Amino acid sequence: MILGYIDIESISQKMVLESNLESVHTVEKLISRVKEEYAISDENYNDMWIALNEAVSNAIKHGNKFDPSKKVRLTIETKEERYLCFTIKDEGDGFNPAAVPNPTNPDRIGEPNGRGVFLIHKLADSVTYSDNGTCVEISFDLFKN
């Protein structure tokens, strides 16, 4: 399928990231490149940038706990000829995404942390956790808007 001048069926990439916050900068560069190469809209780009920044940061900080012997794996692929999907997998113990408190509840509003999972769900078109919370697939509809 052609999106503008791009054949979106051709997108498939994998990265292995170190468990340090420098890896977030690598992901930011990747998202910028994907935007340019595949004519991603500004709105989708901004949503992807924030959601992936949060997901990779969470994998490094909470999943792998900055352990240099552990890696974060990032896969980018298209699905159903319309979705750009990012899968982030860490080597941590996992977590229960349903147990993460809603940061918009009145008793959580003043908390300085705890908004990442909420933001990912708000910005992406689909979010699916697997492997005991160590893996998240974040999808964006390239044809929305």
C-alpha atoms as a PDB file:
ATOM      1  CA  MET A   1       0.000   0.000   0.000  1.00  0.00           C
ATOM      2  CA  ILE A   2       1.263   3.470  -0.826  1.00  0.00           C
ATOM      3  CA  LEU A   3       1.131   6.274   1.777  1.00  0.00           C
ATOM      4  CA  GLY A   4       1.980   9.421  -0.146  1.00  0.00           C
ATOM      5  CA  TYR A   5       5.050   8.162  -1.971  1.00  0.00           C
ATOM      6  CA  ILE A   6       5.909   5.493   0.604  1.00  0.00           C
ATOM      7  CA  ASP A   7       5.322   1.765   0.391  1.00  0.00           C
ATOM      8  CA  ILE A   8       4.524   1.128   4.062  1.00  0.00           C
ATOM      9  CA  GLU A   9       4.759  -2.642   3.630  1.00  0.00           C
ATOM     10  CA  SER A  10       8.539  -2.246   3.468  1.00  0.00           C
ATOM     11  CA  ILE A  11       8.979  -1.012   7.053  1.00  0.00           C
ATOM     12  CA  SER A  12      10.656  -3.540   9.345  1.00  0.00           C
ATOM     13  CA  GLN A  13      13.536  -2.693  11.646  1.00  0.00           C
ATOM     14  CA  LYS A  14      15.047  -4.029  14.875  1.00  0.00           C
ATOM     15  CA  MET A  15      17.338  -2.399  17.420  1.00  0.00           C
ATOM     16  CA  VAL A  16      19.038  -3.568  20.591  1.00  0.00           C
ATOM     17  CA  LEU A  17      19.521  -0.762  23.111  1.00  0.00           C
ATOM     18  CA  GLU A  18      21.748  -0.445  26.142  1.00  0.00           C
ATOM     19  CA  SER A  19      20.050   0.081  29.516  1.00  0.00           C
ATOM     20  CA  ASN A  20      21.031   3.702  29.901  1.00  0.00           C
ATOM     21  CA  LEU A  21      19.229   6.930  29.112  1.00  0.00           C
ATOM     22  CA  GLU A  22      21.574   7.632  26.188  1.00  0.00           C
ATOM     23  CA  SER A  23      19.526   4.984  24.356  1.00  0.00           C
ATOM     24  CA  VAL A  24      16.494   7.283  24.510  1.00  0.00           C
ATOM     25  CA  HIS A  25      18.388   9.724  22.283  1.00  0.00           C
ATOM     26  CA  THR A  26      18.997   6.914  19.793  1.00  0.00           C
ATOM     27  CA  VAL A  27      15.251   6.220  19.693  1.00  0.00           C
ATOM     28  CA  GLU A  28      14.502   9.928  19.236  1.00  0.00           C
ATOM     29  CA  LYS A  29      16.815   9.982  16.202  1.00  0.00           C
ATOM     30  CA  LEU A  30      15.143   6.852  14.843  1.00  0.00           C
ATOM     31  CA  ILE A  31      11.672   8.391  15.154  1.00  0.00           C
ATOM     32  CA  SER A  32      12.872  11.542  13.381  1.00  0.00           C
ATOM     33  CA  ARG A  33      14.288   9.419  10.565  1.00  0.00           C
ATOM     34  CA  VAL A  34      11.071   7.391  10.297  1.00  0.00           C
ATOM     35  CA  LYS A  35       9.068  10.638  10.079  1.00  0.00           C
ATOM     36  CA  GLU A  36      11.161  11.885   7.178  1.00  0.00           C
ATOM     37  CA  GLU A  37      11.524   8.587   5.329  1.00  0.00           C
ATOM     38  CA  TYR A  38       7.898   7.532   5.589  1.00  0.00           C
ATOM     39  CA  ALA A  39       6.061  10.895   5.444  1.00  0.00           C
ATOM     40  CA  ILE A  40       4.612  10.592   8.952  1.00  0.00           C
ATOM     41  CA  SER A  41       2.251  13.436   9.868  1.00  0.00           C
ATOM     42  CA  ASP A  42       3.392  15.929  12.492  1.00  0.00           C
ATOM     43  CA  GLU A  43       0.626  14.775  14.855  1.00  0.00           C
ATOM     44  CA  ASN A  44       1.608  11.107  14.553  1.00  0.00           C
ATOM     45  CA  TYR A  45       5.278  12.038  14.909  1.00  0.00           C
ATOM     46  CA  ASN A  46       4.659  13.966  18.142  1.00  0.00           C
ATOM     47  CA  ASP A  47       2.540  11.147  19.574  1.00  0.00           C
ATOM     48  CA  MET A  48       5.158   8.545  18.601  1.00  0.00           C
ATOM     49  CA  TRP A  49       7.986  10.630  20.028  1.00  0.00           C
ATOM     50  CA  ILE A  50       6.348  11.037  23.440  1.00  0.00           C
ATOM     51  CA  ALA A  51       4.980   7.477  23.684  1.00  0.00           C
ATOM     52  CA  LEU A  52       8.249   5.806  22.641  1.00  0.00           C
ATOM     53  CA  ASN A  53      10.322   8.086  24.825  1.00  0.00           C
ATOM     54  CA  GLU A  54       8.147   7.024  27.778  1.00  0.00           C
ATOM     55  CA  ALA A  55       8.128   3.321  26.878  1.00  0.00           C
ATOM     56  CA  VAL A  56      11.881   3.048  26.329  1.00  0.00           C
ATOM     57  CA  SER A  57      12.629   5.140  29.427  1.00  0.00           C
ATOM     58  CA  ASN A  58      10.331   2.885  31.479  1.00  0.00           C
ATOM     59  CA  ALA A  59      12.002  -0.255  30.086  1.00  0.00           C
ATOM     60  CA  ILE A  60      15.444   1.075  30.979  1.00  0.00           C
ATOM     61  CA  LYS A  61      14.597   2.578  34.371  1.00  0.00           C
ATOM     62  CA  HIS A  62      11.852   0.344  35.790  1.00  0.00           C
ATOM     63  CA  GLY A  63      12.300  -2.852  33.763  1.00  0.00           C
ATOM     64  CA  ASN A  64      16.051  -3.278  33.502  1.00  0.00           C
ATOM     65  CA  LYS A  65      16.834  -0.941  36.425  1.00  0.00           C
ATOM     66  CA  PHE A  66      19.768   0.548  34.466  1.00  0.00           C
ATOM     67  CA  ASP A  67      21.519  -2.854  34.610  1.00  0.00           C
ATOM     68  CA  PRO A  68      24.249  -2.690  31.937  1.00  0.00           C
ATOM     69  CA  SER A  69      24.045  -6.450  31.382  1.00  0.00           C
ATOM     70  CA  LYS A  70      20.385  -6.153  30.288  1.00  0.00           C
ATOM     71  CA  LYS A  71      19.165  -4.891  26.930  1.00  0.00           C
ATOM     72  CA  VAL A  72      16.007  -3.307  25.553  1.00  0.00           C
ATOM     73  CA  ARG A  73      14.819  -4.595  22.202  1.00  0.00           C
ATOM     74  CA  LEU A  74      12.863  -2.346  19.872  1.00  0.00           C
ATOM     75  CA  THR A  75      11.113  -3.594  16.755  1.00  0.00           C
ATOM     76  CA  ILE A  76       9.328  -1.430  14.212  1.00  0.00           C
ATOM     77  CA  GLU A  77       6.987  -2.984  11.680  1.00  0.00           C
ATOM     78  CA  THR A  78       3.789  -2.342   9.797  1.00  0.00           C
ATOM     79  CA  LYS A  79       0.587  -4.293  10.321  1.00  0.00           C
ATOM     80  CA  GLU A  80      -2.584  -4.519   8.296  1.00  0.00           C
ATOM     81  CA  GLU A  81      -1.080  -2.088   5.778  1.00  0.00           C
ATOM     82  CA  ARG A  82      -1.967   0.907   7.972  1.00  0.00           C
ATOM     83  CA  TYR A  83      -0.417   0.630  11.423  1.00  0.00           C
ATOM     84  CA  LEU A  84       3.136   1.451  12.382  1.00  0.00           C
ATOM     85  CA  CYS A  85       3.875  -0.762  15.396  1.00  0.00           C
ATOM     86  CA  PHE A  86       6.697  -0.401  17.891  1.00  0.00           C
ATOM     87  CA  THR A  87       7.449  -3.311  20.209  1.00  0.00           C
ATOM     88  CA  ILE A  88       9.610  -2.594  23.247  1.00  0.00           C
ATOM     89  CA  LYS A  89      10.878  -5.562  25.275  1.00  0.00           C
ATOM     90  CA  ASP A  90      12.974  -5.339  28.424  1.00  0.00           C
ATOM     91  CA  GLU A  91      14.685  -8.055  30.496  1.00  0.00           C
ATOM     92  CA  GLY A  92      13.170  -7.068  33.836  1.00  0.00           C
ATOM     93  CA  ASP A  93      10.736  -8.872  36.128  1.00  0.00           C
ATOM     94  CA  GLY A  94       7.673  -7.270  34.549  1.00  0.00           C
ATOM     95  CA  PHE A  95       4.707  -5.466  36.051  1.00  0.00           C
ATOM     96  CA  ASN A  96       0.928  -5.433  35.957  1.00  0.00           C
ATOM     97  CA  PRO A  97      -0.104  -2.491  33.746  1.00  0.00           C
ATOM     98  CA  ALA A  98      -3.657  -2.633  35.154  1.00  0.00           C
ATOM     99  CA  ALA A  99      -2.259  -1.945  38.627  1.00  0.00           C
ATOM    100  CA  VAL A 100      -0.640   1.366  37.623  1.00  0.00           C
ATOM    101  CA  PRO A 101      -2.628   4.150  39.335  1.00  0.00           C
ATOM    102  CA  ASN A 102      -4.446   6.674  37.166  1.00  0.00           C
ATOM    103  CA  PRO A 103      -2.462   9.928  37.460  1.00  0.00           C
ATOM    104  CA  THR A 104      -5.614  12.001  36.879  1.00  0.00           C
ATOM    105  CA  ASN A 105      -7.236  10.808  40.103  1.00  0.00           C
ATOM    106  CA  PRO A 106      -7.411  13.685  42.602  1.00  0.00           C
ATOM    107  CA  ASP A 107      -5.115  11.930  45.084  1.00  0.00           C
ATOM    108  CA  ARG A 108      -2.435  11.470  42.358  1.00  0.00           C
ATOM    109  CA  ILE A 109      -2.502  14.894  40.659  1.00  0.00           C
ATOM    110  CA  GLY A 110       0.394  16.279  42.705  1.00  0.00           C
ATOM    111  CA  GLU A 111       2.658  13.259  42.198  1.00  0.00           C
ATOM    112  CA  PRO A 112       5.816  14.112  40.227  1.00  0.00           C
ATOM    113  CA  ASN A 113       5.987  10.704  38.486  1.00  0.00           C
ATOM    114  CA  GLY A 114       3.673   8.004  37.193  1.00  0.00           C
ATOM    115  CA  ARG A 115       2.276   9.469  33.991  1.00  0.00           C
ATOM    116  CA  GLY A 116       4.183   7.456  31.374  1.00  0.00           C
ATOM    117  CA  VAL A 117       1.839   4.486  30.984  1.00  0.00           C
ATOM    118  CA  PHE A 118      -1.154   6.854  31.005  1.00  0.00           C
ATOM    119  CA  LEU A 119       0.408   9.016  28.259  1.00  0.00           C
ATOM    120  CA  ILE A 120       1.275   6.005  26.112  1.00  0.00           C
ATOM    121  CA  HIS A 121      -2.351   4.847  26.215  1.00  0.00           C
ATOM    122  CA  LYS A 122      -3.667   8.328  25.412  1.00  0.00           C
ATOM    123  CA  LEU A 123      -1.312   8.963  22.489  1.00  0.00           C
ATOM    124  CA  ALA A 124      -1.213   5.585  20.742  1.00  0.00           C
ATOM    125  CA  ASP A 125      -4.031   4.012  18.758  1.00  0.00           C
ATOM    126  CA  SER A 126      -3.386   0.632  20.376  1.00  0.00           C
ATOM    127  CA  VAL A 127      -1.290  -0.549  23.347  1.00  0.00           C
ATOM    128  CA  THR A 128      -0.866  -4.230  24.191  1.00  0.00           C
ATOM    129  CA  TYR A 129       1.250  -5.664  27.009  1.00  0.00           C
ATOM    130  CA  SER A 130       2.567  -9.226  27.066  1.00  0.00           C
ATOM    131  CA  ASP A 131       5.206 -11.390  28.764  1.00  0.00           C
ATOM    132  CA  ASN A 132       4.194 -10.294  32.277  1.00  0.00           C
ATOM    133  CA  GLY A 133       4.503  -6.626  31.319  1.00  0.00           C
ATOM    134  CA  THR A 134       8.064  -6.867  29.980  1.00  0.00           C
ATOM    135  CA  CYS A 135       6.857  -6.330  26.415  1.00  0.00           C
ATOM    136  CA  VAL A 136       4.613  -3.593  25.044  1.00  0.00           C
ATOM    137  CA  GLU A 137       3.385  -3.124  21.490  1.00  0.00           C
ATOM    138  CA  ILE A 138       2.442   0.456  20.683  1.00  0.00           C
ATOM    139  CA  SER A 139       0.627   1.057  17.397  1.00  0.00           C
ATOM    140  CA  PHE A 140      -0.189   4.189  15.435  1.00  0.00           C
ATOM    141  CA  ASP A 141      -2.690   4.461  12.601  1.00  0.00           C
ATOM    142  CA  LEU A 142      -0.857   6.103   9.702  1.00  0.00           C
ATOM    143  CA  PHE A 143      -4.118   7.049   8.006  1.00  0.00           C
ATOM    144  CA  LYS A 144      -5.863   8.861  10.842  1.00  0.00           C
ATOM    145  CA  ASN A 145      -6.637  12.572  10.399  1.00  0.00           C
END
